[in-house]
Amino acid sequence: MNHDNLSELFPVVDETGRVIGHATRGECHNGSRLLHPVVHLHLFNSRGELYLQKRPAWKDIQPGRWDTAVGGHVDYGETPDEALRREVREELGVTDFTPERITQYVFDSDRERELVYVNRTTYDGPVTPSDETDGGRFWSLDEIRRTLGKGIFTPNFESEFRRVFLSRDGIAQTEDLPLDKRDPQTVAAIDEEVVGGR
């Protein structure tokens, strides 16, 4: 059975992304709340559907839930862009894509703190999920919206989806919204929901 390598080395960063040290996966996920960088890719097809992966049962955080198409840690000595390309290749078998960085933010829970680099791309080629996932599929944005809050998605995905893709009226958008168009009450409410878990 697969399992996370708790001795894998991650950079420890400040909130600007500057590397200030390093720590193991185990140290970063044991409640120490050491800030470490991760990369996310929201993979859309040309119909505007969003690909989500299902987290396998052996993951140390949020096993069995649907999550961002690609989410992975930046390894020590690696840039976020290098990590994104590696993770997309490893998790989805995709190499020919053009990522667009849409935002970055600090995800904070009782167990960990992550500096999240959020990217998106539109891609219509083949997706070959690896054994790092339990497969995946494309979801319509309306289907995602109807499923929010039902325990199907990871709290981190729900928070990020609301933060990045939902406008004040709750309509899912396929591009980053400016801060003045996001509903601060919705963002604050989902942020409160995710305290304590990814």
N, C-alpha and C. Protein backbone atom coordinates (compact mmCIF):
# COMPACT_ATOMS: atom_id res chain seq x y z
N MET A 1 0.84 -1.18 0.00
CA MET A 1 0.00 0.00 0.00
C MET A 1 0.88 1.25 0.00
N ASN A 2 0.49 2.24 -0.77
CA ASN A 2 1.21 3.51 -0.80
C ASN A 2 1.01 4.27 0.50
N HIS A 3 1.93 5.17 0.77
CA HIS A 3 1.80 6.07 1.92
C HIS A 3 2.71 7.27 1.69
N ASP A 4 2.41 8.36 2.40
CA ASP A 4 3.23 9.56 2.28
C ASP A 4 4.57 9.33 2.96
N ASN A 5 5.62 9.87 2.35
CA ASN A 5 6.98 9.79 2.90
C ASN A 5 7.15 10.93 3.90
N LEU A 6 7.05 10.61 5.18
CA LEU A 6 7.09 11.65 6.21
C LEU A 6 8.46 12.29 6.37
N SER A 7 9.50 11.68 5.77
CA SER A 7 10.85 12.28 5.85
C SER A 7 11.18 13.14 4.62
N GLU A 8 10.25 13.24 3.67
CA GLU A 8 10.44 14.10 2.50
C GLU A 8 10.71 15.52 2.96
N LEU A 9 11.69 16.19 2.33
CA LEU A 9 12.13 17.51 2.78
C LEU A 9 11.42 18.63 2.02
N PHE A 10 10.81 19.56 2.78
CA PHE A 10 10.11 20.72 2.21
C PHE A 10 10.84 21.99 2.63
N PRO A 11 10.78 23.03 1.79
CA PRO A 11 11.27 24.33 2.24
C PRO A 11 10.31 24.94 3.25
N VAL A 12 10.84 25.67 4.19
CA VAL A 12 10.03 26.50 5.09
C VAL A 12 10.20 27.92 4.58
N VAL A 13 9.09 28.65 4.43
CA VAL A 13 9.13 29.96 3.78
C VAL A 13 8.45 31.01 4.65
N ASP A 14 8.70 32.29 4.30
CA ASP A 14 7.92 33.36 4.90
C ASP A 14 6.71 33.61 3.99
N GLU A 15 5.87 34.57 4.34
CA GLU A 15 4.63 34.77 3.59
C GLU A 15 4.84 35.35 2.20
N THR A 16 6.07 35.79 1.88
CA THR A 16 6.39 36.24 0.52
C THR A 16 6.93 35.11 -0.33
N GLY A 17 7.18 33.94 0.28
CA GLY A 17 7.72 32.80 -0.45
C GLY A 17 9.22 32.65 -0.34
N ARG A 18 9.87 33.52 0.40
CA ARG A 18 11.32 33.44 0.57
C ARG A 18 11.65 32.26 1.48
N VAL A 19 12.58 31.41 1.02
CA VAL A 19 12.97 30.23 1.79
C VAL A 19 13.79 30.67 3.00
N ILE A 20 13.35 30.21 4.19
CA ILE A 20 14.06 30.57 5.42
C ILE A 20 14.55 29.33 6.18
N GLY A 21 14.33 28.15 5.61
CA GLY A 21 14.77 26.92 6.25
C GLY A 21 14.19 25.71 5.56
N HIS A 22 14.20 24.57 6.23
CA HIS A 22 13.58 23.36 5.69
C HIS A 22 13.12 22.48 6.82
N ALA A 23 12.18 21.58 6.49
CA ALA A 23 11.62 20.66 7.48
C ALA A 23 11.06 19.46 6.73
N THR A 24 10.86 18.36 7.44
CA THR A 24 10.29 17.17 6.81
C THR A 24 8.78 17.31 6.68
N ARG A 25 8.19 16.47 5.82
CA ARG A 25 6.74 16.41 5.70
C ARG A 25 6.10 16.17 7.07
N GLY A 26 6.67 15.23 7.80
CA GLY A 26 6.14 14.91 9.12
C GLY A 26 6.15 16.11 10.04
N GLU A 27 7.23 16.89 10.02
CA GLU A 27 7.32 18.08 10.86
C GLU A 27 6.32 19.15 10.41
N CYS A 28 6.12 19.27 9.10
CA CYS A 28 5.20 20.29 8.58
C CYS A 28 3.74 19.93 8.86
N HIS A 29 3.44 18.63 8.98
CA HIS A 29 2.05 18.18 9.15
C HIS A 29 1.72 17.72 10.56
N ASN A 30 2.58 18.00 11.52
CA ASN A 30 2.34 17.49 12.89
C ASN A 30 1.76 18.54 13.83
N GLY A 31 1.28 19.63 13.27
CA GLY A 31 0.74 20.70 14.12
C GLY A 31 1.73 21.81 14.41
N SER A 32 2.96 21.68 13.87
CA SER A 32 3.98 22.72 14.09
C SER A 32 3.60 24.02 13.38
N ARG A 33 2.80 23.88 12.32
CA ARG A 33 2.32 25.01 11.53
C ARG A 33 3.46 25.76 10.85
N LEU A 34 4.55 25.04 10.52
CA LEU A 34 5.63 25.64 9.73
C LEU A 34 5.09 25.96 8.34
N LEU A 35 5.26 27.19 7.89
CA LEU A 35 4.74 27.61 6.60
C LEU A 35 5.57 26.98 5.49
N HIS A 36 4.92 26.19 4.62
CA HIS A 36 5.60 25.52 3.52
C HIS A 36 4.79 25.69 2.24
N PRO A 37 5.47 25.79 1.08
CA PRO A 37 4.77 26.10 -0.16
C PRO A 37 4.18 24.86 -0.83
N VAL A 38 3.01 25.07 -1.44
CA VAL A 38 2.35 24.05 -2.24
C VAL A 38 1.88 24.70 -3.55
N VAL A 39 1.66 23.87 -4.55
CA VAL A 39 1.14 24.34 -5.83
C VAL A 39 -0.19 23.66 -6.11
N HIS A 40 -1.13 24.42 -6.67
CA HIS A 40 -2.42 23.89 -7.09
C HIS A 40 -2.63 24.24 -8.55
N LEU A 41 -3.23 23.31 -9.29
CA LEU A 41 -3.62 23.58 -10.67
C LEU A 41 -5.09 23.25 -10.83
N HIS A 42 -5.86 24.25 -11.28
CA HIS A 42 -7.26 24.05 -11.65
C HIS A 42 -7.27 23.82 -13.16
N LEU A 43 -7.58 22.60 -13.57
CA LEU A 43 -7.53 22.20 -14.97
C LEU A 43 -8.94 22.20 -15.55
N PHE A 44 -9.19 23.16 -16.42
CA PHE A 44 -10.48 23.28 -17.12
C PHE A 44 -10.36 22.70 -18.51
N ASN A 45 -11.48 22.18 -19.06
CA ASN A 45 -11.50 21.86 -20.49
C ASN A 45 -12.16 23.04 -21.20
N SER A 46 -12.22 22.98 -22.53
CA SER A 46 -12.74 24.11 -23.28
C SER A 46 -14.25 24.29 -23.10
N ARG A 47 -14.94 23.31 -22.51
CA ARG A 47 -16.36 23.44 -22.20
C ARG A 47 -16.58 24.13 -20.85
N GLY A 48 -15.48 24.47 -20.15
CA GLY A 48 -15.60 25.15 -18.87
C GLY A 48 -15.78 24.21 -17.69
N GLU A 49 -15.62 22.90 -17.92
CA GLU A 49 -15.70 21.93 -16.83
C GLU A 49 -14.36 21.85 -16.13
N LEU A 50 -14.40 21.54 -14.84
CA LEU A 50 -13.20 21.52 -14.00
C LEU A 50 -12.87 20.09 -13.61
N TYR A 51 -11.63 19.67 -13.87
CA TYR A 51 -11.19 18.33 -13.50
C TYR A 51 -10.85 18.29 -12.01
N LEU A 52 -11.37 17.30 -11.31
CA LEU A 52 -11.04 17.09 -9.91
C LEU A 52 -10.48 15.68 -9.74
N GLN A 53 -9.55 15.54 -8.80
CA GLN A 53 -9.01 14.22 -8.47
C GLN A 53 -9.64 13.72 -7.18
N LYS A 54 -9.70 12.41 -7.05
CA LYS A 54 -10.16 11.82 -5.79
C LYS A 54 -8.93 11.38 -5.01
N ARG A 55 -8.82 11.86 -3.79
CA ARG A 55 -7.66 11.54 -2.95
C ARG A 55 -7.75 10.08 -2.50
N PRO A 56 -6.63 9.35 -2.60
CA PRO A 56 -6.66 7.94 -2.19
C PRO A 56 -6.77 7.78 -0.68
N ALA A 57 -7.19 6.60 -0.27
CA ALA A 57 -7.42 6.31 1.15
C ALA A 57 -6.14 6.38 1.98
N TRP A 58 -4.97 6.23 1.35
CA TRP A 58 -3.71 6.21 2.11
C TRP A 58 -3.14 7.60 2.39
N LYS A 59 -3.74 8.68 1.86
CA LYS A 59 -3.20 10.03 2.11
C LYS A 59 -3.33 10.38 3.58
N ASP A 60 -2.34 11.15 4.09
CA ASP A 60 -2.36 11.49 5.51
C ASP A 60 -3.34 12.62 5.83
N ILE A 61 -3.79 13.35 4.83
CA ILE A 61 -4.76 14.42 5.04
C ILE A 61 -5.91 14.26 4.05
N GLN A 62 -7.14 14.27 4.54
CA GLN A 62 -8.38 14.22 3.75
C GLN A 62 -8.46 13.05 2.77
N PRO A 63 -8.22 11.82 3.22
CA PRO A 63 -8.34 10.67 2.30
C PRO A 63 -9.77 10.50 1.80
N GLY A 64 -9.89 10.07 0.52
CA GLY A 64 -11.18 9.72 -0.04
C GLY A 64 -12.06 10.88 -0.49
N ARG A 65 -11.57 12.09 -0.39
CA ARG A 65 -12.38 13.24 -0.82
C ARG A 65 -11.90 13.76 -2.18
N TRP A 66 -12.80 14.45 -2.87
CA TRP A 66 -12.47 15.08 -4.16
C TRP A 66 -11.74 16.39 -3.90
N ASP A 67 -10.74 16.66 -4.76
CA ASP A 67 -9.84 17.79 -4.51
C ASP A 67 -9.43 18.41 -5.83
N THR A 68 -8.70 19.51 -5.73
CA THR A 68 -8.12 20.20 -6.87
C THR A 68 -7.43 19.20 -7.80
N ALA A 69 -7.47 19.42 -9.10
CA ALA A 69 -6.88 18.50 -10.08
C ALA A 69 -5.47 18.11 -9.69
N VAL A 70 -4.67 19.09 -9.33
CA VAL A 70 -3.30 18.84 -8.91
C VAL A 70 -3.01 19.69 -7.70
N GLY A 71 -2.50 19.05 -6.68
CA GLY A 71 -2.06 19.75 -5.49
C GLY A 71 -0.84 19.03 -4.96
N GLY A 72 0.24 19.74 -4.80
CA GLY A 72 1.44 19.07 -4.32
C GLY A 72 2.39 20.03 -3.65
N HIS A 73 3.26 19.45 -2.87
CA HIS A 73 4.26 20.23 -2.15
C HIS A 73 5.44 20.58 -3.04
N VAL A 74 6.02 21.73 -2.78
CA VAL A 74 7.27 22.13 -3.41
C VAL A 74 8.38 21.44 -2.63
N ASP A 75 9.25 20.72 -3.32
CA ASP A 75 10.38 20.07 -2.67
C ASP A 75 11.46 21.09 -2.34
N TYR A 76 12.26 20.80 -1.33
CA TYR A 76 13.36 21.67 -0.97
C TYR A 76 14.32 21.77 -2.16
N GLY A 77 14.69 23.00 -2.56
CA GLY A 77 15.57 23.24 -3.70
C GLY A 77 14.84 23.40 -5.01
N GLU A 78 13.52 23.36 -5.01
CA GLU A 78 12.70 23.44 -6.22
C GLU A 78 11.91 24.74 -6.20
N THR A 79 11.66 25.33 -7.37
CA THR A 79 10.82 26.52 -7.46
C THR A 79 9.36 26.09 -7.55
N PRO A 80 8.41 26.99 -7.25
CA PRO A 80 7.00 26.63 -7.42
C PRO A 80 6.66 26.23 -8.86
N ASP A 81 7.24 26.90 -9.84
CA ASP A 81 6.96 26.55 -11.24
C ASP A 81 7.49 25.15 -11.57
N GLU A 82 8.67 24.82 -11.09
CA GLU A 82 9.21 23.46 -11.31
C GLU A 82 8.34 22.42 -10.61
N ALA A 83 7.90 22.73 -9.40
CA ALA A 83 7.05 21.80 -8.66
C ALA A 83 5.72 21.59 -9.38
N LEU A 84 5.15 22.66 -9.92
CA LEU A 84 3.88 22.54 -10.63
C LEU A 84 4.02 21.60 -11.83
N ARG A 85 5.04 21.81 -12.65
CA ARG A 85 5.25 20.94 -13.82
C ARG A 85 5.46 19.48 -13.39
N ARG A 86 6.25 19.27 -12.33
CA ARG A 86 6.51 17.90 -11.85
C ARG A 86 5.22 17.25 -11.35
N GLU A 87 4.48 17.97 -10.53
CA GLU A 87 3.25 17.41 -9.95
C GLU A 87 2.21 17.10 -11.03
N VAL A 88 2.05 17.99 -12.02
CA VAL A 88 1.07 17.75 -13.09
C VAL A 88 1.47 16.52 -13.90
N ARG A 89 2.76 16.39 -14.19
CA ARG A 89 3.25 15.21 -14.92
C ARG A 89 3.02 13.95 -14.09
N GLU A 90 3.38 13.98 -12.80
CA GLU A 90 3.26 12.80 -11.95
C GLU A 90 1.81 12.40 -11.70
N GLU A 91 0.95 13.37 -11.43
CA GLU A 91 -0.43 13.05 -11.03
C GLU A 91 -1.38 12.83 -12.20
N LEU A 92 -1.16 13.55 -13.32
CA LEU A 92 -2.11 13.48 -14.43
C LEU A 92 -1.49 13.03 -15.75
N GLY A 93 -0.17 12.89 -15.80
CA GLY A 93 0.48 12.51 -17.05
C GLY A 93 0.43 13.61 -18.10
N VAL A 94 0.20 14.84 -17.70
CA VAL A 94 0.07 15.97 -18.62
C VAL A 94 1.37 16.76 -18.61
N THR A 95 1.92 17.01 -19.82
CA THR A 95 3.15 17.79 -19.93
C THR A 95 2.98 19.02 -20.82
N ASP A 96 2.00 18.99 -21.73
CA ASP A 96 1.81 20.08 -22.68
C ASP A 96 0.67 20.98 -22.23
N PHE A 97 0.97 21.92 -21.32
CA PHE A 97 -0.05 22.83 -20.83
C PHE A 97 0.62 24.17 -20.52
N THR A 98 -0.20 25.21 -20.50
CA THR A 98 0.30 26.55 -20.19
C THR A 98 -0.38 27.03 -18.92
N PRO A 99 0.35 27.03 -17.79
CA PRO A 99 -0.27 27.47 -16.55
C PRO A 99 -0.34 28.99 -16.45
N GLU A 100 -1.36 29.46 -15.77
CA GLU A 100 -1.51 30.88 -15.46
C GLU A 100 -1.64 31.01 -13.94
N ARG A 101 -0.73 31.72 -13.33
CA ARG A 101 -0.80 31.95 -11.88
C ARG A 101 -1.90 32.95 -11.63
N ILE A 102 -2.88 32.59 -10.78
CA ILE A 102 -3.99 33.51 -10.56
C ILE A 102 -3.98 34.15 -9.17
N THR A 103 -3.36 33.50 -8.21
CA THR A 103 -3.26 34.12 -6.89
C THR A 103 -2.34 33.28 -6.01
N GLN A 104 -2.04 33.78 -4.85
CA GLN A 104 -1.40 32.99 -3.80
C GLN A 104 -1.95 33.47 -2.48
N TYR A 105 -2.01 32.55 -1.51
CA TYR A 105 -2.56 32.89 -0.20
C TYR A 105 -2.01 31.90 0.82
N VAL A 106 -2.18 32.23 2.09
CA VAL A 106 -1.77 31.33 3.16
C VAL A 106 -3.00 30.55 3.63
N PHE A 107 -2.91 29.22 3.55
CA PHE A 107 -3.94 28.34 4.09
C PHE A 107 -3.50 27.94 5.49
N ASP A 108 -4.37 28.15 6.45
CA ASP A 108 -4.00 27.98 7.85
C ASP A 108 -5.01 27.05 8.52
N SER A 109 -4.54 25.95 9.10
CA SER A 109 -5.41 25.04 9.85
C SER A 109 -4.72 24.67 11.15
N ASP A 110 -5.40 23.90 11.97
CA ASP A 110 -4.79 23.46 13.23
C ASP A 110 -3.57 22.58 12.98
N ARG A 111 -3.56 21.90 11.85
CA ARG A 111 -2.51 20.92 11.58
C ARG A 111 -1.33 21.46 10.79
N GLU A 112 -1.59 22.43 9.89
CA GLU A 112 -0.52 22.91 9.01
C GLU A 112 -0.80 24.31 8.51
N ARG A 113 0.26 24.94 7.97
CA ARG A 113 0.17 26.23 7.27
C ARG A 113 0.85 26.07 5.93
N GLU A 114 0.13 26.44 4.87
CA GLU A 114 0.68 26.32 3.52
C GLU A 114 0.63 27.67 2.82
N LEU A 115 1.68 27.98 2.06
CA LEU A 115 1.66 29.10 1.12
C LEU A 115 1.24 28.49 -0.21
N VAL A 116 0.02 28.77 -0.63
CA VAL A 116 -0.58 28.11 -1.79
C VAL A 116 -0.42 28.98 -3.03
N TYR A 117 0.24 28.43 -4.05
CA TYR A 117 0.36 29.08 -5.35
C TYR A 117 -0.73 28.49 -6.25
N VAL A 118 -1.74 29.29 -6.59
CA VAL A 118 -2.91 28.82 -7.33
C VAL A 118 -2.73 29.13 -8.82
N ASN A 119 -2.87 28.09 -9.63
CA ASN A 119 -2.72 28.20 -11.09
C ASN A 119 -3.95 27.60 -11.75
N ARG A 120 -4.16 28.01 -13.00
CA ARG A 120 -5.22 27.43 -13.81
C ARG A 120 -4.70 27.21 -15.22
N THR A 121 -5.38 26.33 -15.95
CA THR A 121 -5.07 26.12 -17.36
C THR A 121 -6.31 25.57 -18.04
N THR A 122 -6.37 25.72 -19.35
CA THR A 122 -7.41 25.08 -20.16
C THR A 122 -6.71 24.02 -20.99
N TYR A 123 -7.25 22.80 -20.95
CA TYR A 123 -6.56 21.65 -21.55
C TYR A 123 -7.60 20.65 -22.02
N ASP A 124 -7.47 20.20 -23.28
CA ASP A 124 -8.41 19.23 -23.86
C ASP A 124 -7.74 17.91 -24.23
N GLY A 125 -6.51 17.71 -23.82
CA GLY A 125 -5.80 16.49 -24.16
C GLY A 125 -6.12 15.35 -23.19
N PRO A 126 -5.40 14.24 -23.34
CA PRO A 126 -5.63 13.09 -22.46
C PRO A 126 -5.14 13.36 -21.03
N VAL A 127 -5.89 12.83 -20.08
CA VAL A 127 -5.52 12.89 -18.67
C VAL A 127 -5.37 11.44 -18.20
N THR A 128 -4.19 11.13 -17.65
CA THR A 128 -3.90 9.77 -17.19
C THR A 128 -3.54 9.82 -15.71
N PRO A 129 -4.55 9.68 -14.84
CA PRO A 129 -4.27 9.78 -13.40
C PRO A 129 -3.31 8.69 -12.94
N SER A 130 -2.41 9.05 -12.05
CA SER A 130 -1.44 8.09 -11.52
C SER A 130 -2.02 7.41 -10.28
N ASP A 131 -1.24 6.50 -9.72
CA ASP A 131 -1.69 5.84 -8.49
C ASP A 131 -1.53 6.75 -7.27
N GLU A 132 -1.06 7.99 -7.49
CA GLU A 132 -1.07 8.99 -6.42
C GLU A 132 -2.48 9.51 -6.17
N THR A 133 -3.42 9.19 -7.08
CA THR A 133 -4.81 9.60 -6.93
C THR A 133 -5.69 8.35 -7.04
N ASP A 134 -6.97 8.51 -6.72
CA ASP A 134 -7.95 7.45 -6.93
C ASP A 134 -8.77 7.77 -8.18
N GLY A 135 -8.10 8.33 -9.18
CA GLY A 135 -8.78 8.70 -10.41
C GLY A 135 -9.28 10.12 -10.35
N GLY A 136 -10.11 10.46 -11.32
CA GLY A 136 -10.66 11.81 -11.39
C GLY A 136 -11.62 11.93 -12.54
N ARG A 137 -12.26 13.08 -12.63
CA ARG A 137 -13.19 13.34 -13.73
C ARG A 137 -13.45 14.84 -13.82
N PHE A 138 -14.04 15.25 -14.95
CA PHE A 138 -14.45 16.64 -15.12
C PHE A 138 -15.84 16.83 -14.50
N TRP A 139 -16.01 17.95 -13.81
CA TRP A 139 -17.26 18.33 -13.18
C TRP A 139 -17.73 19.65 -13.79
N SER A 140 -19.04 19.79 -14.01
CA SER A 140 -19.55 21.11 -14.41
C SER A 140 -19.47 22.02 -13.18
N LEU A 141 -19.35 23.31 -13.42
CA LEU A 141 -19.26 24.24 -12.31
C LEU A 141 -20.56 24.25 -11.50
N ASP A 142 -21.69 24.04 -12.16
CA ASP A 142 -22.96 23.98 -11.45
C ASP A 142 -23.00 22.74 -10.55
N GLU A 143 -22.50 21.62 -11.03
CA GLU A 143 -22.45 20.40 -10.22
C GLU A 143 -21.58 20.61 -8.98
N ILE A 144 -20.45 21.29 -9.16
CA ILE A 144 -19.58 21.58 -8.01
C ILE A 144 -20.32 22.47 -7.02
N ARG A 145 -20.95 23.52 -7.52
CA ARG A 145 -21.66 24.45 -6.65
C ARG A 145 -22.74 23.75 -5.83
N ARG A 146 -23.49 22.84 -6.47
CA ARG A 146 -24.56 22.11 -5.77
C ARG A 146 -24.01 21.14 -4.73
N THR A 147 -22.74 20.72 -4.87
CA THR A 147 -22.15 19.70 -4.00
C THR A 147 -21.34 20.32 -2.85
N LEU A 148 -21.09 21.61 -2.92
CA LEU A 148 -20.33 22.28 -1.86
C LEU A 148 -21.02 22.08 -0.50
N GLY A 149 -20.22 21.85 0.53
CA GLY A 149 -20.75 21.74 1.89
C GLY A 149 -21.36 20.40 2.24
N LYS A 150 -21.21 19.40 1.38
CA LYS A 150 -21.82 18.09 1.63
C LYS A 150 -20.82 17.02 2.04
N GLY A 151 -19.57 17.43 2.32
CA GLY A 151 -18.56 16.47 2.76
C GLY A 151 -17.94 15.65 1.64
N ILE A 152 -18.18 16.03 0.40
CA ILE A 152 -17.64 15.31 -0.76
C ILE A 152 -16.25 15.84 -1.12
N PHE A 153 -16.08 17.15 -1.02
CA PHE A 153 -14.83 17.80 -1.39
C PHE A 153 -13.97 18.04 -0.15
N THR A 154 -12.67 18.23 -0.36
CA THR A 154 -11.82 18.63 0.76
C THR A 154 -12.21 20.05 1.17
N PRO A 155 -12.12 20.37 2.45
CA PRO A 155 -12.40 21.75 2.87
C PRO A 155 -11.50 22.76 2.18
N ASN A 156 -10.25 22.38 1.90
CA ASN A 156 -9.33 23.29 1.22
C ASN A 156 -9.82 23.59 -0.19
N PHE A 157 -10.28 22.56 -0.93
CA PHE A 157 -10.80 22.80 -2.28
C PHE A 157 -12.01 23.73 -2.20
N GLU A 158 -12.93 23.44 -1.27
CA GLU A 158 -14.13 24.28 -1.17
C GLU A 158 -13.77 25.73 -0.87
N SER A 159 -12.85 25.93 0.05
CA SER A 159 -12.42 27.28 0.39
C SER A 159 -11.81 27.98 -0.81
N GLU A 160 -10.91 27.27 -1.51
CA GLU A 160 -10.24 27.88 -2.66
C GLU A 160 -11.21 28.14 -3.80
N PHE A 161 -12.12 27.20 -4.06
CA PHE A 161 -13.10 27.37 -5.13
C PHE A 161 -13.95 28.62 -4.85
N ARG A 162 -14.40 28.75 -3.61
CA ARG A 162 -15.21 29.92 -3.25
C ARG A 162 -14.38 31.20 -3.33
N ARG A 163 -13.15 31.14 -2.84
CA ARG A 163 -12.27 32.31 -2.82
C ARG A 163 -11.94 32.80 -4.23
N VAL A 164 -11.71 31.85 -5.14
CA VAL A 164 -11.19 32.22 -6.46
C VAL A 164 -12.26 32.27 -7.55
N PHE A 165 -13.27 31.40 -7.47
CA PHE A 165 -14.18 31.25 -8.61
C PHE A 165 -15.63 31.65 -8.37
N LEU A 166 -16.01 32.03 -7.16
CA LEU A 166 -17.41 32.41 -6.92
C LEU A 166 -17.54 33.91 -6.76
N SER A 167 -18.52 34.47 -7.42
CA SER A 167 -18.80 35.90 -7.29
C SER A 167 -19.81 36.11 -6.17
N ARG A 168 -20.18 37.36 -5.95
CA ARG A 168 -21.12 37.70 -4.87
C ARG A 168 -22.45 36.96 -5.00
N ASP A 169 -22.90 36.71 -6.21
CA ASP A 169 -24.20 36.05 -6.38
C ASP A 169 -24.08 34.53 -6.40
N GLY A 170 -22.88 34.00 -6.12
CA GLY A 170 -22.71 32.56 -6.04
C GLY A 170 -22.53 31.87 -7.38
N ILE A 171 -22.43 32.63 -8.44
CA ILE A 171 -22.25 32.04 -9.77
C ILE A 171 -20.78 31.73 -9.97
N ALA A 172 -20.49 30.51 -10.36
CA ALA A 172 -19.10 30.10 -10.58
C ALA A 172 -18.55 30.79 -11.81
N GLN A 173 -17.34 31.30 -11.68
CA GLN A 173 -16.64 31.95 -12.77
C GLN A 173 -15.46 31.07 -13.17
N THR A 174 -15.00 31.18 -14.41
CA THR A 174 -13.84 30.41 -14.82
C THR A 174 -12.59 31.26 -14.91
N GLU A 175 -12.60 32.40 -14.24
CA GLU A 175 -11.39 33.20 -14.14
C GLU A 175 -11.35 33.84 -12.77
N ASP A 176 -10.19 34.26 -12.37
CA ASP A 176 -10.04 34.87 -11.05
C ASP A 176 -10.86 36.14 -10.97
N LEU A 177 -11.52 36.32 -9.85
CA LEU A 177 -12.31 37.52 -9.65
C LEU A 177 -11.49 38.56 -8.89
N PRO A 178 -11.64 39.84 -9.23
CA PRO A 178 -10.98 40.86 -8.44
C PRO A 178 -11.55 40.85 -7.03
N LEU A 179 -10.76 41.30 -6.08
CA LEU A 179 -11.17 41.26 -4.67
C LEU A 179 -12.51 41.95 -4.43
N ASP A 180 -12.79 43.04 -5.14
CA ASP A 180 -14.02 43.77 -4.88
C ASP A 180 -15.26 43.05 -5.41
N LYS A 181 -15.10 41.98 -6.19
CA LYS A 181 -16.23 41.22 -6.71
C LYS A 181 -16.49 39.95 -5.90
N ARG A 182 -15.57 39.58 -4.99
CA ARG A 182 -15.77 38.39 -4.17
C ARG A 182 -16.61 38.77 -2.95
N ASP A 183 -17.45 37.87 -2.54
CA ASP A 183 -18.29 38.11 -1.37
C ASP A 183 -17.48 37.85 -0.12
N PRO A 184 -17.12 38.88 0.64
CA PRO A 184 -16.26 38.68 1.82
C PRO A 184 -16.92 37.82 2.88
N GLN A 185 -18.25 37.86 3.01
CA GLN A 185 -18.92 37.03 4.01
C GLN A 185 -18.83 35.55 3.63
N THR A 186 -18.98 35.24 2.33
CA THR A 186 -18.86 33.86 1.89
C THR A 186 -17.45 33.36 2.11
N VAL A 187 -16.46 34.17 1.73
CA VAL A 187 -15.06 33.77 1.92
C VAL A 187 -14.77 33.57 3.40
N ALA A 188 -15.23 34.50 4.26
CA ALA A 188 -14.98 34.38 5.70
C ALA A 188 -15.67 33.15 6.27
N ALA A 189 -16.89 32.87 5.82
CA ALA A 189 -17.63 31.72 6.35
C ALA A 189 -16.95 30.41 5.99
N ILE A 190 -16.50 30.27 4.74
CA ILE A 190 -15.85 29.01 4.37
C ILE A 190 -14.49 28.91 5.02
N ASP A 191 -13.79 30.03 5.19
CA ASP A 191 -12.51 29.98 5.89
C ASP A 191 -12.70 29.49 7.31
N GLU A 192 -13.79 29.91 7.95
CA GLU A 192 -14.08 29.45 9.32
C GLU A 192 -14.37 27.96 9.33
N GLU A 193 -15.06 27.46 8.28
CA GLU A 193 -15.40 26.03 8.17
C GLU A 193 -14.16 25.15 8.09
N VAL A 194 -13.10 25.63 7.42
CA VAL A 194 -11.96 24.76 7.17
C VAL A 194 -10.94 24.75 8.29
N VAL A 195 -11.11 25.56 9.31
CA VAL A 195 -10.15 25.51 10.43
C VAL A 195 -10.16 24.09 10.99
N GLY A 196 -8.98 23.50 11.01
CA GLY A 196 -8.87 22.16 11.55
C GLY A 196 -8.76 21.09 10.50
N GLY A 197 -8.78 21.39 9.21
CA GLY A 197 -8.60 20.32 8.24
C GLY A 197 -8.47 20.85 6.85
N ARG A 198 -7.76 20.08 6.03
CA ARG A 198 -7.56 20.46 4.63
C ARG A 198 -8.63 19.81 3.79
